[in-house]
C-alpha cells in the first residue's frame, strides 16, 4: 500500500471524530451561557418587581418611615378641609377583637359609623396590640385621604402605648405623623394633646411644654382638644411654680371651651369644668378663697342651666 492509499484509508475515520468534538464543544458553550444568563435574568426580574412594588405603594397610599419624637417641628402637611374626598378601604378579616365599654372607644350618637372608623375601632380593641398594629399598617397602605390617615396614626399610637414604655418612641412618632397629616384644628389638637400626655408620662416636661406651645401657636382656633392642651400646659406651669402662667392657661382653657362650635358642646363642657376646677384649686392653694368661690359658683350656675 502506497502513502496515498494509506492516507485515503485514514480520512473516513478522522472526519467523524472531528464532528463529534465540535458538537461537544458547542454543547459546553451553550451550557455555560445558560448558567451565566439565568442568575442575571433572575436579578433583573427581582429589581423590576421591587421597582414596580415601590411605585405601586407610592401611588396607592402612604408609606411613611417610622418617626420618633424630637424637638424640631417640621411643616405640617394637612390643611383645613371642610369635606375631604371619600376613600374606600377593604376591611381585613382578623381574629375576633375584645368588646370595649370605654366611652372613648364607642361611637357617639350621630351618623352611622363608617367602614374606616369601624376598622380602626376593631384594630384599637384587638386582644393582641400587635394584631391591631398590623391591621392598621395594612389599612394605611390603601389610603389616599389625609384625614383618615391622621386618625389611623392616632390609633396606631394608642396601640404602641398599650405595648408599654419600650414602644414610647414609636407611639410619639405616630402621634407626630397624625398631627402633621391632620386636616382640621380639632384633629391637630387631638394628636398634640395625646403627644403632650405621652411626653408627661415619660417625664419629659420640657418637651411636653414645647409641644403644647407649638400646637397652640400654630393654630389658635378654639377647640375642645385645644382647651385640654391649655389645661395640661397650666399643670406644667404649676409644677414649675409659675402660678401666674398656670392661672392664665386655666382661664384661657375655660374661655376656649365655651367658644367651640355647638357640635362639640358635650366635649367642651367637660373641658370647661376641668379648667374651672383646676383654676379654683390653684386659687385655694394661693389663699385666694374669694376668687376660688367665684369660679365654683359660676361653674355651678352654668351646669344648672344645662338640660
Protein backbone atom coordinates (compact mmCIF):
# COMPACT_ATOMS: atom_id res chain seq x y z
CA UNK A 1 0.00 0.00 0.00
CA UNK A 2 1.45 3.31 -1.02
CA UNK A 3 1.26 6.51 1.03
CA UNK A 4 -1.72 7.90 -0.90
CA UNK A 5 -3.81 4.80 -0.28
CA UNK A 6 -2.81 4.85 3.37
CA UNK A 7 -3.94 8.46 3.82
CA UNK A 8 -7.17 7.72 1.96
CA UNK A 9 -7.92 4.91 4.32
CA UNK A 10 -7.45 7.23 7.32
CA UNK A 11 -9.74 10.10 6.21
CA UNK A 12 -13.12 8.42 6.75
CA UNK A 13 -12.15 7.58 10.34
CA UNK A 14 -10.89 11.08 11.23
CA UNK A 15 -13.88 13.09 9.96
CA UNK A 16 -16.47 11.75 12.39
CA UNK A 17 -14.10 12.36 15.32
CA UNK A 18 -13.74 16.00 14.25
CA UNK A 19 -17.53 16.45 14.01
CA UNK A 20 -18.10 14.78 17.42
CA UNK A 21 -15.59 17.09 19.06
CA UNK A 22 -17.27 20.20 17.61
CA UNK A 23 -20.73 19.18 18.87
CA UNK A 24 -19.38 18.59 22.36
CA UNK A 25 -17.72 21.96 22.43
CA UNK A 26 -20.88 23.67 21.27
CA UNK A 27 -22.87 21.95 23.99
CA UNK A 28 -20.39 23.05 26.61
CA UNK A 29 -20.53 26.64 25.39
CA UNK A 30 -24.35 26.65 25.42
CA UNK A 31 -24.45 25.20 28.91
CA UNK A 32 -22.00 27.83 30.16
CA UNK A 33 -24.05 30.66 28.64
CA UNK A 34 -27.25 29.32 30.20
CA UNK A 35 -25.65 29.02 33.62
CA UNK A 36 -24.43 32.61 33.44
CA UNK A 37 -27.64 34.04 31.95
CA UNK A 38 -30.09 32.52 34.45
CA UNK A 39 -28.79 34.37 37.55
CA UNK A 40 -28.56 37.62 35.59
CA UNK A 41 -32.14 37.27 34.35
CA UNK A 42 -33.38 36.45 37.85
CA UNK A 43 -31.62 39.51 39.27
CA UNK A 44 -33.12 41.78 36.61
CA UNK A 45 -36.62 40.42 37.28
CA UNK A 46 -36.19 40.96 41.04
CA UNK A 47 -35.11 44.57 40.54
CA UNK A 48 -38.07 45.24 38.25
CA UNK A 49 -40.51 43.68 40.73
CA UNK A 50 -39.13 45.79 43.60
CA UNK A 51 -39.30 48.93 41.45
CA UNK A 52 -42.90 48.17 40.49
CA UNK A 53 -43.87 47.50 44.12
CA UNK A 54 -42.29 50.77 45.23
CA UNK A 55 -44.15 52.72 42.56
CA UNK A 56 -47.42 50.96 43.43
CA UNK A 57 -47.04 51.74 47.14
CA UNK A 58 -46.21 55.38 46.45
CA UNK A 59 -49.23 55.74 44.17
CA UNK A 60 -51.69 53.71 46.23
CA UNK A 61 -51.31 55.07 49.74
CA UNK A 62 -49.00 56.28 52.47
CA UNK A 63 -45.54 54.81 53.00
CA UNK A 64 -44.11 57.00 55.76
CA UNK A 65 -40.97 55.89 57.59
CA UNK A 66 -41.34 55.34 61.28
CA UNK A 67 -40.66 58.51 63.24
CA UNK A 68 -39.58 59.19 66.76
CA UNK A 69 -40.39 62.26 68.79
CA UNK A 70 -37.96 65.14 68.50
CA UNK A 71 -37.75 68.79 69.47
CA UNK A 72 -37.92 70.03 65.89
CA UNK A 73 -41.30 70.89 64.41
CA UNK A 74 -41.41 70.12 60.66
CA UNK A 75 -44.02 71.82 58.47
CA UNK A 76 -47.45 70.32 58.95
CA UNK A 77 -48.83 68.60 55.86
CA UNK A 78 -52.57 68.84 56.48
CA UNK A 79 -54.73 71.87 55.77
CA UNK A 80 -58.25 72.93 56.56
CA UNK A 81 -60.72 70.88 54.55
CA UNK A 82 -64.45 71.05 55.19
CA UNK A 83 -65.22 67.89 53.23
CA UNK A 84 -62.15 65.76 52.45
CA UNK A 85 -62.53 63.38 49.50
CA UNK A 86 -64.02 60.00 50.41
CA UNK A 87 -61.84 56.94 50.49
CA UNK A 88 -62.64 53.29 50.30
CA UNK A 89 -60.59 50.67 52.07
CA UNK A 90 -61.21 46.95 52.39
CA UNK A 91 -61.85 45.63 55.86
CA UNK A 92 -59.36 42.86 56.63
CA UNK A 93 -60.60 39.76 58.44
CA UNK A 94 -58.61 39.42 61.65
CA UNK A 95 -59.02 37.42 64.86
CA UNK A 96 -62.01 38.44 66.98
CA UNK A 97 -61.49 41.61 68.97
CA UNK A 98 -62.43 42.26 72.56
CA UNK A 99 -65.60 44.27 73.22
CA UNK A 100 -65.00 47.74 74.62
CA UNK A 101 -67.17 49.62 77.10
CA UNK A 102 -64.98 52.70 77.27
CA UNK A 103 -66.68 55.98 76.27
CA UNK A 104 -63.67 56.83 74.12
CA UNK A 105 -63.97 53.61 72.12
CA UNK A 106 -67.68 53.64 71.35
CA UNK A 107 -69.38 55.68 68.69
CA UNK A 108 -71.37 58.66 69.92
CA UNK A 109 -74.95 59.24 68.92
CA UNK A 110 -74.92 60.61 65.41
CA UNK A 111 -74.17 59.42 61.88
CA UNK A 112 -73.59 55.68 61.39
CA UNK A 113 -70.03 54.50 61.87
CA UNK A 114 -68.05 54.45 58.62
CA UNK A 115 -66.22 51.28 57.49
CA UNK A 116 -62.91 53.08 58.10
CA UNK A 117 -63.86 54.05 61.66
CA UNK A 118 -65.11 50.53 62.33
CA UNK A 119 -61.82 49.06 61.14
CA UNK A 120 -59.80 51.41 63.36
CA UNK A 121 -62.03 50.71 66.37
CA UNK A 122 -61.64 46.95 65.91
CA UNK A 123 -57.89 47.30 65.47
CA UNK A 124 -57.63 49.53 68.54
CA UNK A 125 -59.52 46.93 70.62
CA UNK A 126 -57.60 43.89 69.34
CA UNK A 127 -56.78 41.31 72.01
CA UNK A 128 -53.13 41.49 70.92
CA UNK A 129 -51.85 45.03 70.14
CA UNK A 130 -49.50 43.59 67.51
CA UNK A 131 -52.52 42.31 65.56
CA UNK A 132 -54.07 45.76 65.69
CA UNK A 133 -50.81 47.38 64.54
CA UNK A 134 -50.57 45.02 61.57
CA UNK A 135 -54.18 45.72 60.65
CA UNK A 136 -53.69 49.49 60.73
CA UNK A 137 -50.45 49.29 58.74
CA UNK A 138 -52.28 47.36 56.02
CA UNK A 139 -55.07 49.93 56.11
CA UNK A 140 -52.60 52.79 55.74
CA UNK A 141 -51.13 51.24 52.58
CA UNK A 142 -54.54 51.72 50.88
CA UNK A 143 -55.21 55.32 51.92
CA UNK A 144 -55.14 58.49 49.87
CA UNK A 145 -57.07 60.59 52.40
CA UNK A 146 -55.10 62.71 54.87
CA UNK A 147 -57.91 62.87 57.41
CA UNK A 148 -58.31 59.09 57.53
CA UNK A 149 -54.52 58.64 57.68
CA UNK A 150 -54.29 61.03 60.63
CA UNK A 151 -56.93 59.04 62.54
CA UNK A 152 -55.14 55.80 61.67
CA UNK A 153 -51.82 57.06 63.04
CA UNK A 154 -53.54 58.23 66.22
CA UNK A 155 -55.00 54.73 66.68
CA UNK A 156 -51.59 53.24 65.91
CA UNK A 157 -50.04 55.39 68.64
CA UNK A 158 -52.61 54.13 71.14
CA UNK A 159 -51.61 50.55 70.39
CA UNK A 160 -47.92 51.34 70.84
CA UNK A 161 -48.73 53.00 74.17
CA UNK A 162 -50.59 49.83 75.21
CA UNK A 163 -47.43 47.82 74.50
CA UNK A 164 -45.52 49.68 77.18
CA UNK A 165 -42.57 52.00 77.64
CA UNK A 166 -40.35 50.05 75.22
CA UNK A 167 -42.54 51.40 72.39
CA UNK A 168 -42.68 55.00 73.62
CA UNK A 169 -40.65 56.30 70.67
CA UNK A 170 -42.91 54.57 68.15
CA UNK A 171 -46.00 55.96 69.88
CA UNK A 172 -44.67 59.52 69.88
CA UNK A 173 -43.55 59.21 66.26
CA UNK A 174 -47.02 58.03 65.21
CA UNK A 175 -48.61 60.96 67.05
CA UNK A 176 -46.27 63.42 65.31
CA UNK A 177 -47.34 61.98 61.97
CA UNK A 178 -51.01 62.11 62.97
CA UNK A 179 -50.58 65.77 63.92
CA UNK A 180 -48.83 66.63 60.65
CA UNK A 181 -51.45 64.90 58.48
CA UNK A 182 -54.48 66.36 60.27
CA UNK A 183 -56.81 68.43 58.11
CA UNK A 184 -58.60 70.35 60.89
CA UNK A 185 -57.66 72.26 64.02
CA UNK A 186 -59.56 69.77 66.19
CA UNK A 187 -57.69 66.79 64.73
CA UNK A 188 -54.32 68.53 65.09
CA UNK A 189 -55.08 69.46 68.69
CA UNK A 190 -56.26 65.90 69.45
CA UNK A 191 -52.94 64.44 68.26
CA UNK A 192 -50.91 67.14 70.00
CA UNK A 193 -52.77 66.64 73.28
CA UNK A 194 -52.09 62.90 73.15
CA UNK A 195 -48.41 63.64 72.44
CA UNK A 196 -48.21 66.08 75.36
CA UNK A 197 -49.70 63.42 77.65
CA UNK A 198 -47.21 60.81 76.37
CA UNK A 199 -44.28 63.14 76.99
CA UNK A 200 -45.54 63.92 80.50
CA UNK A 201 -45.82 60.18 81.20
CA UNK A 202 -42.23 59.80 80.01
CA UNK A 203 -41.23 62.53 82.46
CA UNK A 204 -40.03 64.92 79.76
CA UNK A 205 -41.90 68.02 80.91
CA UNK A 206 -39.75 70.44 78.91
CA UNK A 207 -40.53 68.72 75.63
CA UNK A 208 -44.20 68.42 76.61
CA UNK A 209 -44.32 72.16 77.19
CA UNK A 210 -42.64 72.81 73.83
CA UNK A 211 -45.18 70.64 72.02
CA UNK A 212 -48.12 72.30 73.80
CA UNK A 213 -46.90 75.81 72.96
CA UNK A 214 -46.19 74.85 69.36
CA UNK A 215 -49.65 73.32 68.89
CA UNK A 216 -51.42 76.37 70.31
CA UNK A 217 -49.25 78.87 68.42
CA UNK A 218 -49.64 77.03 65.12
CA UNK A 219 -53.43 77.04 65.31
CA UNK A 220 -55.21 79.12 67.96
CA UNK A 221 -58.70 78.15 66.78
CA UNK A 222 -60.76 77.30 69.90
CA UNK A 223 -61.35 73.54 70.08
CA UNK A 224 -62.15 71.13 72.89
CA UNK A 225 -58.80 69.38 72.37
CA UNK A 226 -57.00 72.73 72.29
CA UNK A 227 -58.58 73.63 75.64
CA UNK A 228 -57.29 70.32 77.04
CA UNK A 229 -53.81 71.26 75.83
CA UNK A 230 -54.10 74.56 77.74
CA UNK A 231 -55.13 72.68 80.89
CA UNK A 232 -52.10 70.41 80.51
CA UNK A 233 -49.90 73.45 79.94
CA UNK A 234 -51.32 75.08 83.09
CA UNK A 235 -50.44 71.98 85.13
CA UNK A 236 -46.89 72.05 83.76
CA UNK A 237 -46.54 75.71 84.72
CA UNK A 238 -47.97 74.97 88.15
CA UNK A 239 -45.46 72.17 88.73
CA UNK A 240 -42.67 74.60 87.89
CA UNK A 241 -44.04 77.11 90.42
CA UNK A 242 -45.08 79.60 87.72
CA UNK A 243 -48.52 80.27 89.15
CA UNK A 244 -49.24 83.34 87.02
CA UNK A 245 -48.71 81.38 83.80
CA UNK A 246 -50.76 78.50 85.21
CA UNK A 247 -53.64 80.84 86.06
CA UNK A 248 -53.59 82.35 82.58
CA UNK A 249 -53.58 78.91 80.95
CA UNK A 250 -56.53 77.67 83.03
CA UNK A 251 -58.55 80.81 82.36
CA UNK A 252 -57.88 80.63 78.62
CA UNK A 253 -58.81 76.95 78.60
CA UNK A 254 -62.14 77.71 80.27
CA UNK A 255 -62.87 80.50 77.78
CA UNK A 256 -61.84 78.43 74.74
CA UNK A 257 -64.04 75.54 75.83
CA UNK A 258 -67.07 77.85 75.81
CA UNK A 259 -66.17 79.21 72.36
CA UNK A 260 -66.09 75.92 70.46
CA UNK A 261 -68.79 75.14 67.85
CA UNK A 262 -72.08 73.72 69.17
CA UNK A 263 -71.41 70.27 67.71
CA UNK A 264 -68.61 69.88 70.26
CA UNK A 265 -70.66 71.04 73.25
CA UNK A 266 -70.56 67.68 75.06
CA UNK A 267 -66.76 67.53 74.99
CA UNK A 268 -66.28 71.23 75.54
CA UNK A 269 -68.40 71.39 78.68
CA UNK A 270 -66.33 68.65 80.29
CA UNK A 271 -63.11 70.51 79.46
CA UNK A 272 -64.59 73.79 80.76
CA UNK A 273 -65.46 72.09 84.04
CA UNK A 274 -61.95 70.64 84.29
CA UNK A 275 -60.33 74.04 83.65
CA UNK A 276 -62.54 75.73 86.25
CA UNK A 277 -61.74 73.11 88.88
CA UNK A 278 -58.00 73.47 88.21
CA UNK A 279 -58.32 77.25 88.50
CA UNK A 280 -60.32 77.06 91.74
CA UNK A 281 -57.82 74.62 93.22
CA UNK A 282 -54.95 76.94 92.29
CA UNK A 283 -56.71 79.87 93.98
CA UNK A 284 -57.24 77.78 97.13
CA UNK A 285 -53.57 76.87 97.17
CA UNK A 286 -52.62 80.56 96.88
CA UNK A 287 -55.05 81.57 99.63
CA UNK A 288 -57.35 83.42 97.22
CA UNK A 289 -60.52 81.84 98.55
CA UNK A 290 -62.91 84.51 97.34
CA UNK A 291 -61.78 84.02 93.75
CA UNK A 292 -61.99 80.25 94.16
CA UNK A 293 -65.57 80.57 95.43
CA UNK A 294 -66.48 82.84 92.50
CA UNK A 295 -65.17 80.32 89.97
CA UNK A 296 -67.01 77.45 91.66
CA UNK A 297 -70.26 79.43 91.83
CA UNK A 298 -70.05 80.45 88.16
CA UNK A 299 -69.43 76.86 87.14
CA UNK A 300 -72.34 75.58 89.23
CA UNK A 301 -74.75 78.08 87.63
CA UNK A 302 -73.61 77.11 84.16
CA UNK A 303 -74.10 73.42 84.91
CA UNK A 304 -77.56 74.08 86.36
CA UNK A 305 -78.63 75.73 83.12
CA UNK A 306 -77.68 72.68 81.13
CA UNK A 307 -80.65 70.48 80.08
